[in-house]
Amino acid sequence: MNIEHENGRFFIEKDGELLAELTYAPAGSSEIEVDHTYVSDELRGQGVAGQLVDEAAEYAREQNKKIIPTCTYAKAKMERDEKYKDVLAQ
């Protein structure tokens, strides 16, 4: 599965149909706000939402930004896993 990135979102499409998406927006000069995740029934339960969060975290690292997770899924995942500690805004 190929996760694409454009215009404030990471997403997976198949034949033009949106199957999964994580959206974010700039929050000042040094942070981004992850505000939404969606995974279709077809992909649910396969760890896709977690992969989207991983992509957002890697992007934040590359851009030297911190993440403010306002999406409940992203917030829970990032707060319970130490691998996000370096990009999680305090």
Protein backbone atom coordinates (compact mmCIF):
# COMPACT_ATOMS: atom_id res chain seq x y z
CA MET A 1 0.00 0.00 0.00
CA ASN A 2 1.38 3.36 -1.00
CA ILE A 3 0.81 6.28 1.35
CA GLU A 4 0.80 9.57 -0.55
CA HIS A 5 1.40 13.05 0.88
CA GLU A 6 0.04 16.33 -0.43
CA ASN A 7 -1.68 19.50 0.73
CA GLY A 8 -1.78 18.81 4.46
CA ARG A 9 -2.70 15.16 4.30
CA PHE A 10 -1.32 11.65 4.11
CA PHE A 11 -3.65 9.30 2.27
CA ILE A 12 -4.23 6.04 0.45
CA GLU A 13 -6.36 5.91 -2.68
CA LYS A 14 -7.30 3.03 -4.92
CA ASP A 15 -8.89 3.68 -8.30
CA GLY A 16 -9.73 7.22 -7.22
CA GLU A 17 -11.45 6.10 -4.01
CA LEU A 18 -10.16 7.43 -0.69
CA LEU A 19 -9.35 4.46 1.57
CA ALA A 20 -7.46 6.16 4.41
CA GLU A 21 -6.43 9.67 5.38
CA LEU A 22 -4.71 11.69 8.09
CA THR A 23 -5.03 15.46 7.87
CA TYR A 24 -2.91 18.15 9.46
CA ALA A 25 -2.49 21.92 9.40
CA PRO A 26 0.30 24.31 10.38
CA ALA A 27 0.07 25.52 13.98
CA GLY A 28 2.54 28.36 14.15
CA SER A 29 6.05 28.14 12.79
CA SER A 30 7.24 25.08 14.70
CA GLU A 31 4.20 22.81 15.06
CA ILE A 32 1.56 21.00 13.05
CA GLU A 33 -1.87 19.96 14.28
CA VAL A 34 -3.00 16.44 13.37
CA ASP A 35 -6.75 16.86 13.41
CA HIS A 36 -8.34 13.86 11.69
CA THR A 37 -7.79 10.24 10.73
CA TYR A 38 -10.05 8.08 8.58
CA VAL A 39 -9.73 4.45 7.53
CA SER A 40 -12.30 2.75 5.30
CA ASP A 41 -14.02 -0.46 6.33
CA GLU A 42 -11.90 -2.25 3.70
CA LEU A 43 -8.65 -1.39 5.50
CA ARG A 44 -9.83 -1.15 9.09
CA GLY A 45 -8.05 -3.42 11.58
CA GLN A 46 -4.87 -3.68 9.51
CA GLY A 47 -2.81 -1.03 11.28
CA VAL A 48 -3.27 1.55 8.54
CA ALA A 49 -4.16 4.42 10.89
CA GLY A 50 -0.95 3.73 12.81
CA GLN A 51 1.03 3.82 9.57
CA LEU A 52 -0.48 7.22 8.78
CA VAL A 53 0.56 8.51 12.22
CA ASP A 54 4.07 7.12 11.59
CA GLU A 55 4.23 9.03 8.29
CA ALA A 56 3.12 12.25 9.99
CA ALA A 57 5.74 11.76 12.71
CA GLU A 58 8.49 11.20 10.15
CA TYR A 59 7.39 14.30 8.25
CA ALA A 60 7.47 16.33 11.48
CA ARG A 61 11.01 15.07 12.20
CA GLU A 62 12.18 16.00 8.70
CA GLN A 63 10.67 19.48 9.05
CA ASN A 64 11.90 19.97 12.65
CA LYS A 65 8.34 20.41 13.87
CA LYS A 66 6.32 19.11 16.80
CA ILE A 67 2.86 17.55 16.52
CA ILE A 68 -0.20 18.72 18.39
CA PRO A 69 -2.58 15.74 18.07
CA THR A 70 -6.18 16.94 18.36
CA CYS A 71 -7.52 13.83 16.61
CA THR A 72 -8.47 11.41 19.40
CA TYR A 73 -6.86 8.40 17.67
CA ALA A 74 -3.56 10.17 16.97
CA LYS A 75 -3.49 11.67 20.47
CA ALA A 76 -3.98 8.29 22.17
CA LYS A 77 -1.43 6.54 19.93
CA MET A 78 1.23 9.20 20.31
CA GLU A 79 0.85 9.59 24.06
CA ARG A 80 1.18 5.86 24.78
CA ASP A 81 4.15 5.08 22.52
CA GLU A 82 7.63 6.37 23.39
CA LYS A 83 8.70 6.41 19.73
CA TYR A 84 6.74 9.64 19.25
CA LYS A 85 8.17 11.42 22.29
CA ASP A 86 10.57 13.50 20.19
CA VAL A 87 7.80 14.96 18.01
CA LEU A 88 4.92 15.23 20.48
CA ALA A 89 4.28 18.84 21.50
CA GLN A 90 4.18 19.33 25.26
